């Protein structure tokens, strides 16, 4: 996702459209945020280091900022996970267009 954000930001900049920096990326995984923002590695995280070095670069440059959002408040969950009726209705009431779901 960060690659796409960087690409779109650069494209908009090229088209002389201002993009507010840093671009806020909502993430519902605390572990992913920790790995992206910290350089601490272990044998268990060694295989993901290259990916997170890429993300860290853009975090340090101020291009993107990772922000934690609870799963219950994450609109993307509606499209990427099986959610119960209550969660679906809550997102619908908050104005999310669910007519295509």
PDB file of N, CA and C in Angstrom:
ATOM      1  N   UNK A   1       0.806  -1.179   0.000  1.00  0.00           N
ATOM      2  CA  UNK A   1       0.000   0.000   0.000  1.00  0.00           C
ATOM      3  C   UNK A   1       0.862   1.262   0.000  1.00  0.00           C
ATOM      4  N   UNK A   2       1.977   1.247   0.676  1.00  0.00           N
ATOM      5  CA  UNK A   2       2.851   2.414   0.733  1.00  0.00           C
ATOM      6  C   UNK A   2       3.379   2.757  -0.654  1.00  0.00           C
ATOM      7  N   UNK A   3       3.698   1.726  -1.450  1.00  0.00           N
ATOM      8  CA  UNK A   3       4.171   1.986  -2.817  1.00  0.00           C
ATOM      9  C   UNK A   3       3.125   2.764  -3.599  1.00  0.00           C
ATOM     10  N   UNK A   4       1.868   2.384  -3.455  1.00  0.00           N
ATOM     11  CA  UNK A   4       0.799   3.063  -4.181  1.00  0.00           C
ATOM     12  C   UNK A   4       0.633   4.499  -3.699  1.00  0.00           C
ATOM     13  N   UNK A   5       0.725   4.701  -2.392  1.00  0.00           N
ATOM     14  CA  UNK A   5       0.600   6.045  -1.831  1.00  0.00           C
ATOM     15  C   UNK A   5       1.720   6.942  -2.339  1.00  0.00           C
ATOM     16  N   UNK A   6       2.943   6.430  -2.333  1.00  0.00           N
ATOM     17  CA  UNK A   6       4.085   7.206  -2.821  1.00  0.00           C
ATOM     18  C   UNK A   6       3.910   7.518  -4.302  1.00  0.00           C
ATOM     19  N   UNK A   7       3.483   6.532  -5.089  1.00  0.00           N
ATOM     20  CA  UNK A   7       3.283   6.747  -6.523  1.00  0.00           C
ATOM     21  C   UNK A   7       2.231   7.825  -6.773  1.00  0.00           C
ATOM     22  N   UNK A   8       1.090   7.717  -6.100  1.00  0.00           N
ATOM     23  CA  UNK A   8       0.018   8.688  -6.312  1.00  0.00           C
ATOM     24  C   UNK A   8       0.451  10.077  -5.846  1.00  0.00           C
ATOM     25  N   UNK A   9       1.164  10.152  -4.724  1.00  0.00           N
ATOM     26  CA  UNK A   9       1.657  11.450  -4.247  1.00  0.00           C
ATOM     27  C   UNK A   9       2.599  12.086  -5.256  1.00  0.00           C
ATOM     28  N   UNK A  10       3.511  11.285  -5.805  1.00  0.00           N
ATOM     29  CA  UNK A  10       4.447  11.815  -6.802  1.00  0.00           C
ATOM     30  C   UNK A  10       3.723  12.221  -8.081  1.00  0.00           C
ATOM     31  N   UNK A  11       2.731  11.451  -8.485  1.00  0.00           N
ATOM     32  CA  UNK A  11       1.946  11.786  -9.670  1.00  0.00           C
ATOM     33  C   UNK A  11       1.200  13.107  -9.468  1.00  0.00           C
ATOM     34  N   UNK A  12       0.565  13.265  -8.318  1.00  0.00           N
ATOM     35  CA  UNK A  12      -0.154  14.500  -8.034  1.00  0.00           C
ATOM     36  C   UNK A  12       0.799  15.691  -7.962  1.00  0.00           C
ATOM     37  N   UNK A  13       1.960  15.476  -7.360  1.00  0.00           N
ATOM     38  CA  UNK A  13       2.970  16.541  -7.303  1.00  0.00           C
ATOM     39  C   UNK A  13       3.406  16.940  -8.712  1.00  0.00           C
ATOM     40  N   UNK A  14       3.608  15.957  -9.574  1.00  0.00           N
ATOM     41  CA  UNK A  14       3.983  16.221 -10.967  1.00  0.00           C
ATOM     42  C   UNK A  14       2.894  17.020 -11.692  1.00  0.00           C
ATOM     43  N   UNK A  15       1.637  16.755 -11.337  1.00  0.00           N
ATOM     44  CA  UNK A  15       0.512  17.474 -11.934  1.00  0.00           C
ATOM     45  C   UNK A  15       0.247  18.817 -11.240  1.00  0.00           C
ATOM     46  N   UNK A  16       1.154  19.185 -10.324  1.00  0.00           N
ATOM     47  CA  UNK A  16       1.075  20.440  -9.573  1.00  0.00           C
ATOM     48  C   UNK A  16      -0.163  20.505  -8.670  1.00  0.00           C
ATOM     49  N   UNK A  17      -0.516  19.370  -8.111  1.00  0.00           N
ATOM     50  CA  UNK A  17      -1.600  19.295  -7.138  1.00  0.00           C
ATOM     51  C   UNK A  17      -0.971  19.058  -5.781  1.00  0.00           C
ATOM     52  N   UNK A  18      -1.265  19.949  -4.840  1.00  0.00           N
ATOM     53  CA  UNK A  18      -0.674  19.841  -3.512  1.00  0.00           C
ATOM     54  C   UNK A  18      -1.237  18.640  -2.756  1.00  0.00           C
ATOM     55  N   UNK A  19      -0.339  17.925  -2.104  1.00  0.00           N
ATOM     56  CA  UNK A  19      -0.712  16.787  -1.273  1.00  0.00           C
ATOM     57  C   UNK A  19      -0.223  17.088   0.128  1.00  0.00           C
ATOM     58  N   UNK A  20      -1.133  17.001   1.084  1.00  0.00           N
ATOM     59  CA  UNK A  20      -0.769  17.264   2.472  1.00  0.00           C
ATOM     60  C   UNK A  20       0.140  16.154   2.985  1.00  0.00           C
ATOM     61  N   UNK A  21       1.280  16.536   3.526  1.00  0.00           N
ATOM     62  CA  UNK A  21       2.218  15.552   4.070  1.00  0.00           C
ATOM     63  C   UNK A  21       2.254  15.672   5.583  1.00  0.00           C
ATOM     64  N   UNK A  22       2.393  14.599   6.272  1.00  0.00           N
ATOM     65  CA  UNK A  22       2.459  13.229   5.780  1.00  0.00           C
ATOM     66  C   UNK A  22       1.067  12.688   5.454  1.00  0.00           C
ATOM     67  N   UNK A  23       1.026  11.741   4.529  1.00  0.00           N
ATOM     68  CA  UNK A  23      -0.223  11.057   4.205  1.00  0.00           C
ATOM     69  C   UNK A  23      -0.492  10.072   5.342  1.00  0.00           C
ATOM     70  N   UNK A  24      -1.664  10.162   5.937  1.00  0.00           N
ATOM     71  CA  UNK A  24      -2.004   9.296   7.067  1.00  0.00           C
ATOM     72  C   UNK A  24      -2.510   7.955   6.561  1.00  0.00           C
ATOM     73  N   UNK A  25      -1.897   6.896   7.043  1.00  0.00           N
ATOM     74  CA  UNK A  25      -2.287   5.535   6.680  1.00  0.00           C
ATOM     75  C   UNK A  25      -2.845   4.879   7.938  1.00  0.00           C
ATOM     76  N   UNK A  26      -4.119   4.519   7.909  1.00  0.00           N
ATOM     77  CA  UNK A  26      -4.747   3.886   9.058  1.00  0.00           C
ATOM     78  C   UNK A  26      -4.476   2.393   9.022  1.00  0.00           C
ATOM     79  N   UNK A  27      -3.943   1.888  10.129  1.00  0.00           N
ATOM     80  CA  UNK A  27      -3.563   0.479  10.244  1.00  0.00           C
ATOM     81  C   UNK A  27      -4.184  -0.078  11.514  1.00  0.00           C
ATOM     82  N   UNK A  28      -4.748  -1.280  11.440  1.00  0.00           N
ATOM     83  CA  UNK A  28      -5.361  -1.881  12.620  1.00  0.00           C
ATOM     84  C   UNK A  28      -4.492  -2.975  13.238  1.00  0.00           C
ATOM     85  N   UNK A  29      -3.211  -2.974  12.911  1.00  0.00           N
ATOM     86  CA  UNK A  29      -2.294  -3.994  13.414  1.00  0.00           C
ATOM     87  C   UNK A  29      -1.138  -3.305  14.136  1.00  0.00           C
ATOM     88  N   UNK A  30      -1.149  -3.365  15.456  1.00  0.00           N
ATOM     89  CA  UNK A  30      -0.122  -2.696  16.260  1.00  0.00           C
ATOM     90  C   UNK A  30       1.253  -3.273  15.962  1.00  0.00           C
ATOM     91  N   UNK A  31       1.335  -4.570  15.749  1.00  0.00           N
ATOM     92  CA  UNK A  31       2.621  -5.207  15.446  1.00  0.00           C
ATOM     93  C   UNK A  31       3.225  -4.680  14.158  1.00  0.00           C
ATOM     94  N   UNK A  32       2.397  -4.488  13.140  1.00  0.00           N
ATOM     95  CA  UNK A  32       2.886  -3.954  11.860  1.00  0.00           C
ATOM     96  C   UNK A  32       3.386  -2.527  12.026  1.00  0.00           C
ATOM     97  N   UNK A  33       2.681  -1.737  12.814  1.00  0.00           N
ATOM     98  CA  UNK A  33       3.130  -0.360  13.067  1.00  0.00           C
ATOM     99  C   UNK A  33       4.461  -0.375  13.791  1.00  0.00           C
ATOM    100  N   UNK A  34       4.597  -1.234  14.807  1.00  0.00           N
ATOM    101  CA  UNK A  34       5.854  -1.320  15.562  1.00  0.00           C
ATOM    102  C   UNK A  34       7.015  -1.710  14.660  1.00  0.00           C
ATOM    103  N   UNK A  35       6.812  -2.728  13.815  1.00  0.00           N
ATOM    104  CA  UNK A  35       7.889  -3.160  12.926  1.00  0.00           C
ATOM    105  C   UNK A  35       8.274  -2.070  11.925  1.00  0.00           C
ATOM    106  N   UNK A  36       7.286  -1.330  11.447  1.00  0.00           N
ATOM    107  CA  UNK A  36       7.566  -0.296  10.459  1.00  0.00           C
ATOM    108  C   UNK A  36       8.292   0.900  11.070  1.00  0.00           C
ATOM    109  N   UNK A  37       8.024   1.196  12.323  1.00  0.00           N
ATOM    110  CA  UNK A  37       8.602   2.384  12.940  1.00  0.00           C
ATOM    111  C   UNK A  37       9.877   2.115  13.730  1.00  0.00           C
ATOM    112  N   UNK A  38      10.194   0.865  14.016  1.00  0.00           N
ATOM    113  CA  UNK A  38      11.360   0.534  14.833  1.00  0.00           C
ATOM    114  C   UNK A  38      12.302  -0.388  14.076  1.00  0.00           C
ATOM    115  N   UNK A  39      13.586  -0.224  14.334  1.00  0.00           N
ATOM    116  CA  UNK A  39      14.575  -1.028  13.621  1.00  0.00           C
ATOM    117  C   UNK A  39      14.994  -2.274  14.385  1.00  0.00           C
ATOM    118  N   UNK A  40      14.284  -2.605  15.433  1.00  0.00           N
ATOM    119  CA  UNK A  40      14.585  -3.802  16.215  1.00  0.00           C
ATOM    120  C   UNK A  40      14.168  -5.023  15.408  1.00  0.00           C
ATOM    121  N   UNK A  41      15.084  -5.975  15.264  1.00  0.00           N
ATOM    122  CA  UNK A  41      14.771  -7.192  14.525  1.00  0.00           C
ATOM    123  C   UNK A  41      15.115  -8.405  15.372  1.00  0.00           C
ATOM    124  N   UNK A  42      14.518  -9.509  15.007  1.00  0.00           N
ATOM    125  CA  UNK A  42      14.815 -10.779  15.658  1.00  0.00           C
ATOM    126  C   UNK A  42      14.811 -11.857  14.579  1.00  0.00           C
ATOM    127  N   UNK A  43      15.098 -13.069  14.971  1.00  0.00           N
ATOM    128  CA  UNK A  43      15.083 -14.165  14.009  1.00  0.00           C
ATOM    129  C   UNK A  43      13.697 -14.345  13.392  1.00  0.00           C
ATOM    130  N   UNK A  44      12.655 -14.018  14.153  1.00  0.00           N
ATOM    131  CA  UNK A  44      11.296 -14.195  13.658  1.00  0.00           C
ATOM    132  C   UNK A  44      10.885 -13.112  12.664  1.00  0.00           C
ATOM    133  N   UNK A  45      11.536 -11.947  12.729  1.00  0.00           N
ATOM    134  CA  UNK A  45      11.162 -10.844  11.836  1.00  0.00           C
ATOM    135  C   UNK A  45      12.179 -10.609  10.732  1.00  0.00           C
ATOM    136  N   UNK A  46      13.207 -11.429  10.687  1.00  0.00           N
ATOM    137  CA  UNK A  46      14.273 -11.232   9.701  1.00  0.00           C
ATOM    138  C   UNK A  46      13.760 -11.286   8.259  1.00  0.00           C
ATOM    139  N   UNK A  47      12.788 -12.141   7.985  1.00  0.00           N
ATOM    140  CA  UNK A  47      12.285 -12.321   6.625  1.00  0.00           C
ATOM    141  C   UNK A  47      11.464 -11.137   6.123  1.00  0.00           C
ATOM    142  N   UNK A  48      11.017 -10.244   6.999  1.00  0.00           N
ATOM    143  CA  UNK A  48      10.219  -9.095   6.565  1.00  0.00           C
ATOM    144  C   UNK A  48      11.008  -7.793   6.586  1.00  0.00           C
ATOM    145  N   UNK A  49      12.281  -7.859   6.920  1.00  0.00           N
ATOM    146  CA  UNK A  49      13.079  -6.649   7.082  1.00  0.00           C
ATOM    147  C   UNK A  49      13.111  -5.756   5.847  1.00  0.00           C
ATOM    148  N   UNK A  50      13.291  -6.312   4.676  1.00  0.00           N
ATOM    149  CA  UNK A  50      13.420  -5.501   3.463  1.00  0.00           C
ATOM    150  C   UNK A  50      12.158  -4.677   3.243  1.00  0.00           C
ATOM    151  N   UNK A  51      11.014  -5.279   3.412  1.00  0.00           N
ATOM    152  CA  UNK A  51       9.740  -4.576   3.240  1.00  0.00           C
ATOM    153  C   UNK A  51       9.631  -3.417   4.218  1.00  0.00           C
ATOM    154  N   UNK A  52       9.971  -3.658   5.479  1.00  0.00           N
ATOM    155  CA  UNK A  52       9.825  -2.614   6.483  1.00  0.00           C
ATOM    156  C   UNK A  52      10.899  -1.542   6.370  1.00  0.00           C
ATOM    157  N   UNK A  53      12.074  -1.869   5.819  1.00  0.00           N
ATOM    158  CA  UNK A  53      13.074  -0.822   5.555  1.00  0.00           C
ATOM    159  C   UNK A  53      12.530   0.157   4.538  1.00  0.00           C
ATOM    160  N   UNK A  54      11.835  -0.340   3.543  1.00  0.00           N
ATOM    161  CA  UNK A  54      11.226   0.505   2.521  1.00  0.00           C
ATOM    162  C   UNK A  54      10.207   1.451   3.159  1.00  0.00           C
ATOM    163  N   UNK A  55       9.356   0.912   4.022  1.00  0.00           N
ATOM    164  CA  UNK A  55       8.332   1.718   4.671  1.00  0.00           C
ATOM    165  C   UNK A  55       8.969   2.713   5.638  1.00  0.00           C
ATOM    166  N   UNK A  56       9.963   2.268   6.412  1.00  0.00           N
ATOM    167  CA  UNK A  56      10.644   3.154   7.363  1.00  0.00           C
ATOM    168  C   UNK A  56      11.220   4.382   6.679  1.00  0.00           C
ATOM    169  N   UNK A  57      11.762   4.200   5.489  1.00  0.00           N
ATOM    170  CA  UNK A  57      12.347   5.312   4.744  1.00  0.00           C
ATOM    171  C   UNK A  57      11.314   6.425   4.553  1.00  0.00           C
ATOM    172  N   UNK A  58      10.123   6.067   4.138  1.00  0.00           N
ATOM    173  CA  UNK A  58       9.091   7.063   3.888  1.00  0.00           C
ATOM    174  C   UNK A  58       8.500   7.627   5.176  1.00  0.00           C
ATOM    175  N   UNK A  59       8.504   6.850   6.247  1.00  0.00           N
ATOM    176  CA  UNK A  59       8.069   7.359   7.546  1.00  0.00           C
ATOM    177  C   UNK A  59       9.069   8.399   8.036  1.00  0.00           C
ATOM    178  N   UNK A  60      10.359   8.089   7.939  1.00  0.00           N
ATOM    179  CA  UNK A  60      11.400   9.019   8.390  1.00  0.00           C
ATOM    180  C   UNK A  60      11.447  10.288   7.546  1.00  0.00           C
ATOM    181  N   UNK A  61      11.154  10.180   6.252  1.00  0.00           N
ATOM    182  CA  UNK A  61      11.132  11.346   5.373  1.00  0.00           C
ATOM    183  C   UNK A  61       9.914  12.215   5.632  1.00  0.00           C
ATOM    184  N   UNK A  62       8.914  11.674   6.302  1.00  0.00           N
ATOM    185  CA  UNK A  62       7.689  12.419   6.548  1.00  0.00           C
ATOM    186  C   UNK A  62       6.690  12.326   5.414  1.00  0.00           C
ATOM    187  N   UNK A  63       6.879  11.374   4.518  1.00  0.00           N
ATOM    188  CA  UNK A  63       5.947  11.179   3.405  1.00  0.00           C
ATOM    189  C   UNK A  63       4.664  10.517   3.884  1.00  0.00           C
ATOM    190  N   UNK A  64       4.792   9.525   4.774  1.00  0.00           N
ATOM    191  CA  UNK A  64       3.623   8.825   5.310  1.00  0.00           C
ATOM    192  C   UNK A  64       3.714   8.776   6.832  1.00  0.00           C
ATOM    193  N   UNK A  65       2.560   8.625   7.446  1.00  0.00           N
ATOM    194  CA  UNK A  65       2.483   8.466   8.897  1.00  0.00           C
ATOM    195  C   UNK A  65       1.483   7.357   9.182  1.00  0.00           C
ATOM    196  N   UNK A  66       1.916   6.354   9.914  1.00  0.00           N
ATOM    197  CA  UNK A  66       1.027   5.248  10.263  1.00  0.00           C
ATOM    198  C   UNK A  66       0.253   5.619  11.517  1.00  0.00           C
ATOM    199  N   UNK A  67      -1.054   5.444  11.461  1.00  0.00           N
ATOM    200  CA  UNK A  67      -1.908   5.724  12.610  1.00  0.00           C
ATOM    201  C   UNK A  67      -2.741   4.495  12.921  1.00  0.00           C
ATOM    202  N   UNK A  68      -2.829   4.183  14.208  1.00  0.00           N
ATOM    203  CA  UNK A  68      -3.614   3.029  14.630  1.00  0.00           C
ATOM    204  C   UNK A  68      -5.100   3.376  14.585  1.00  0.00           C
ATOM    205  N   UNK A  69      -5.882   2.459  14.057  1.00  0.00           N
ATOM    206  CA  UNK A  69      -7.341   2.581  14.073  1.00  0.00           C
ATOM    207  C   UNK A  69      -7.888   1.229  14.516  1.00  0.00           C
ATOM    208  N   UNK A  70      -8.821   1.264  15.429  1.00  0.00           N
ATOM    209  CA  UNK A  70      -9.414   0.012  15.912  1.00  0.00           C
ATOM    210  C   UNK A  70     -10.131  -0.686  14.769  1.00  0.00           C
ATOM    211  N   UNK A  71     -10.123  -1.991  14.790  1.00  0.00           N
ATOM    212  CA  UNK A  71     -10.784  -2.765  13.738  1.00  0.00           C
ATOM    213  C   UNK A  71     -12.251  -2.381  13.611  1.00  0.00           C
ATOM    214  N   UNK A  72     -12.884  -2.132  14.711  1.00  0.00           N
ATOM    215  CA  UNK A  72     -14.313  -1.783  14.702  1.00  0.00           C
ATOM    216  C   UNK A  72     -14.556  -0.467  13.963  1.00  0.00           C
ATOM    217  N   UNK A  73     -13.556   0.417  13.939  1.00  0.00           N
ATOM    218  CA  UNK A  73     -13.702   1.720  13.301  1.00  0.00           C
ATOM    219  C   UNK A  73     -13.074   1.764  11.902  1.00  0.00           C
ATOM    220  N   UNK A  74     -12.532   0.651  11.456  1.00  0.00           N
ATOM    221  CA  UNK A  74     -11.829   0.598  10.184  1.00  0.00           C
ATOM    222  C   UNK A  74     -12.817   0.286   9.055  1.00  0.00           C
ATOM    223  N   UNK A  75     -13.112   1.295   8.242  1.00  0.00           N
ATOM    224  CA  UNK A  75     -14.069   1.105   7.152  1.00  0.00           C
ATOM    225  C   UNK A  75     -13.631   0.038   6.163  1.00  0.00           C
ATOM    226  N   UNK A  76     -12.338  -0.154   5.994  1.00  0.00           N
ATOM    227  CA  UNK A  76     -11.844  -1.145   5.038  1.00  0.00           C
ATOM    228  C   UNK A  76     -12.227  -2.563   5.446  1.00  0.00           C
ATOM    229  N   UNK A  77     -12.419  -2.803   6.734  1.00  0.00           N
ATOM    230  CA  UNK A  77     -12.800  -4.141   7.193  1.00  0.00           C
ATOM    231  C   UNK A  77     -14.107  -4.603   6.561  1.00  0.00           C
ATOM    232  N   UNK A  78     -14.975  -3.665   6.283  1.00  0.00           N
ATOM    233  CA  UNK A  78     -16.251  -4.008   5.671  1.00  0.00           C
ATOM    234  C   UNK A  78     -16.054  -4.702   4.329  1.00  0.00           C
ATOM    235  N   UNK A  79     -14.984  -4.347   3.624  1.00  0.00           N
ATOM    236  CA  UNK A  79     -14.728  -4.895   2.298  1.00  0.00           C
ATOM    237  C   UNK A  79     -13.695  -6.023   2.299  1.00  0.00           C
ATOM    238  N   UNK A  80     -12.973  -6.193   3.404  1.00  0.00           N
ATOM    239  CA  UNK A  80     -11.892  -7.171   3.413  1.00  0.00           C
ATOM    240  C   UNK A  80     -12.089  -8.314   4.404  1.00  0.00           C
ATOM    241  N   UNK A  81     -13.083  -8.198   5.285  1.00  0.00           N
ATOM    242  CA  UNK A  81     -13.305  -9.234   6.290  1.00  0.00           C
ATOM    243  C   UNK A  81     -14.783  -9.564   6.379  1.00  0.00           C
ATOM    244  N   UNK A  82     -15.068 -10.734   6.922  1.00  0.00           N
ATOM    245  CA  UNK A  82     -16.453 -11.074   7.216  1.00  0.00           C
ATOM    246  C   UNK A  82     -16.844 -10.316   8.479  1.00  0.00           C
ATOM    247  N   UNK A  83     -17.828  -9.437   8.354  1.00  0.00           N
ATOM    248  CA  UNK A  83     -18.276  -8.670   9.514  1.00  0.00           C
ATOM    249  C   UNK A  83     -19.710  -9.060   9.838  1.00  0.00           C
ATOM    250  N   UNK A  84     -20.068  -8.885  11.106  1.00  0.00           N
ATOM    251  CA  UNK A  84     -21.427  -9.216  11.514  1.00  0.00           C
ATOM    252  C   UNK A  84     -22.381  -8.098  11.105  1.00  0.00           C
ATOM    253  N   UNK A  85     -23.661  -8.346  11.237  1.00  0.00           N
ATOM    254  CA  UNK A  85     -24.678  -7.391  10.833  1.00  0.00           C
ATOM    255  C   UNK A  85     -24.591  -6.077  11.583  1.00  0.00           C
ATOM    256  N   UNK A  86     -24.245  -6.145  12.868  1.00  0.00           N
ATOM    257  CA  UNK A  86     -24.140  -4.938  13.682  1.00  0.00           C
ATOM    258  C   UNK A  86     -23.040  -4.016  13.159  1.00  0.00           C
ATOM    259  N   UNK A  87     -21.886  -4.582  12.845  1.00  0.00           N
ATOM    260  CA  UNK A  87     -20.776  -3.795  12.302  1.00  0.00           C
ATOM    261  C   UNK A  87     -21.137  -3.214  10.947  1.00  0.00           C
ATOM    262  N   UNK A  88     -21.783  -4.012  10.110  1.00  0.00           N
ATOM    263  CA  UNK A  88     -22.214  -3.547   8.800  1.00  0.00           C
ATOM    264  C   UNK A  88     -23.151  -2.355   8.938  1.00  0.00           C
ATOM    265  N   UNK A  89     -24.148  -2.467   9.816  1.00  0.00           N
ATOM    266  CA  UNK A  89     -25.117  -1.391  10.016  1.00  0.00           C
ATOM    267  C   UNK A  89     -24.459  -0.142  10.582  1.00  0.00           C
ATOM    268  N   UNK A  90     -23.496  -0.324  11.464  1.00  0.00           N
ATOM    269  CA  UNK A  90     -22.788   0.828  12.043  1.00  0.00           C
ATOM    270  C   UNK A  90     -22.045   1.604  10.954  1.00  0.00           C
ATOM    271  N   UNK A  91     -21.363   0.897  10.068  1.00  0.00           N
ATOM    272  CA  UNK A  91     -20.664   1.571   8.971  1.00  0.00           C
ATOM    273  C   UNK A  91     -21.662   2.223   8.015  1.00  0.00           C
ATOM    274  N   UNK A  92     -22.789   1.578   7.796  1.00  0.00           N
ATOM    275  CA  UNK A  92     -23.805   2.135   6.906  1.00  0.00           C
ATOM    276  C   UNK A  92     -24.372   3.427   7.474  1.00  0.00           C
ATOM    277  N   UNK A  93     -24.630   3.446   8.780  1.00  0.00           N
ATOM    278  CA  UNK A  93     -25.174   4.642   9.433  1.00  0.00           C
ATOM    279  C   UNK A  93     -24.181   5.798   9.415  1.00  0.00           C
ATOM    280  N   UNK A  94     -22.895   5.472   9.417  1.00  0.00           N
ATOM    281  CA  UNK A  94     -21.866   6.519   9.415  1.00  0.00           C
ATOM    282  C   UNK A  94     -21.623   7.101   8.034  1.00  0.00           C
ATOM    283  N   UNK A  95     -22.385   6.687   7.047  1.00  0.00           N
ATOM    284  CA  UNK A  95     -22.304   7.302   5.746  1.00  0.00           C
ATOM    285  C   UNK A  95     -21.484   6.563   4.727  1.00  0.00           C
ATOM    286  N   UNK A  96     -20.984   5.385   5.050  1.00  0.00           N
ATOM    287  CA  UNK A  96     -20.227   4.618   4.073  1.00  0.00           C
ATOM    288  C   UNK A  96     -21.194   4.070   3.025  1.00  0.00           C
ATOM    289  N   UNK A  97     -20.875   4.237   1.772  1.00  0.00           N
ATOM    290  CA  UNK A  97     -21.743   3.770   0.693  1.00  0.00           C
ATOM    291  C   UNK A  97     -21.637   2.254   0.588  1.00  0.00           C
ATOM    292  N   UNK A  98     -22.636   1.555   1.127  1.00  0.00           N
ATOM    293  CA  UNK A  98     -22.616   0.092   1.119  1.00  0.00           C
ATOM    294  C   UNK A  98     -23.556  -0.458   0.077  1.00  0.00           C
ATOM    295  N   UNK A  99     -24.066   0.378  -0.812  1.00  0.00           N
ATOM    296  CA  UNK A  99     -25.005  -0.091  -1.816  1.00  0.00           C
ATOM    297  C   UNK A  99     -24.365  -1.061  -2.801  1.00  0.00           C
ATOM    298  N   UNK A 100     -23.018  -1.025  -2.917  1.00  0.00           N
ATOM    299  CA  UNK A 100     -22.325  -1.915  -3.854  1.00  0.00           C
ATOM    300  C   UNK A 100     -21.781  -3.155  -3.177  1.00  0.00           C
ATOM    301  N   UNK A 101     -22.035  -3.312  -1.876  1.00  0.00           N
ATOM    302  CA  UNK A 101     -21.502  -4.461  -1.145  1.00  0.00           C
ATOM    303  C   UNK A 101     -22.368  -5.652  -1.354  1.00  0.00           C
TER     304      UNK A 101
END
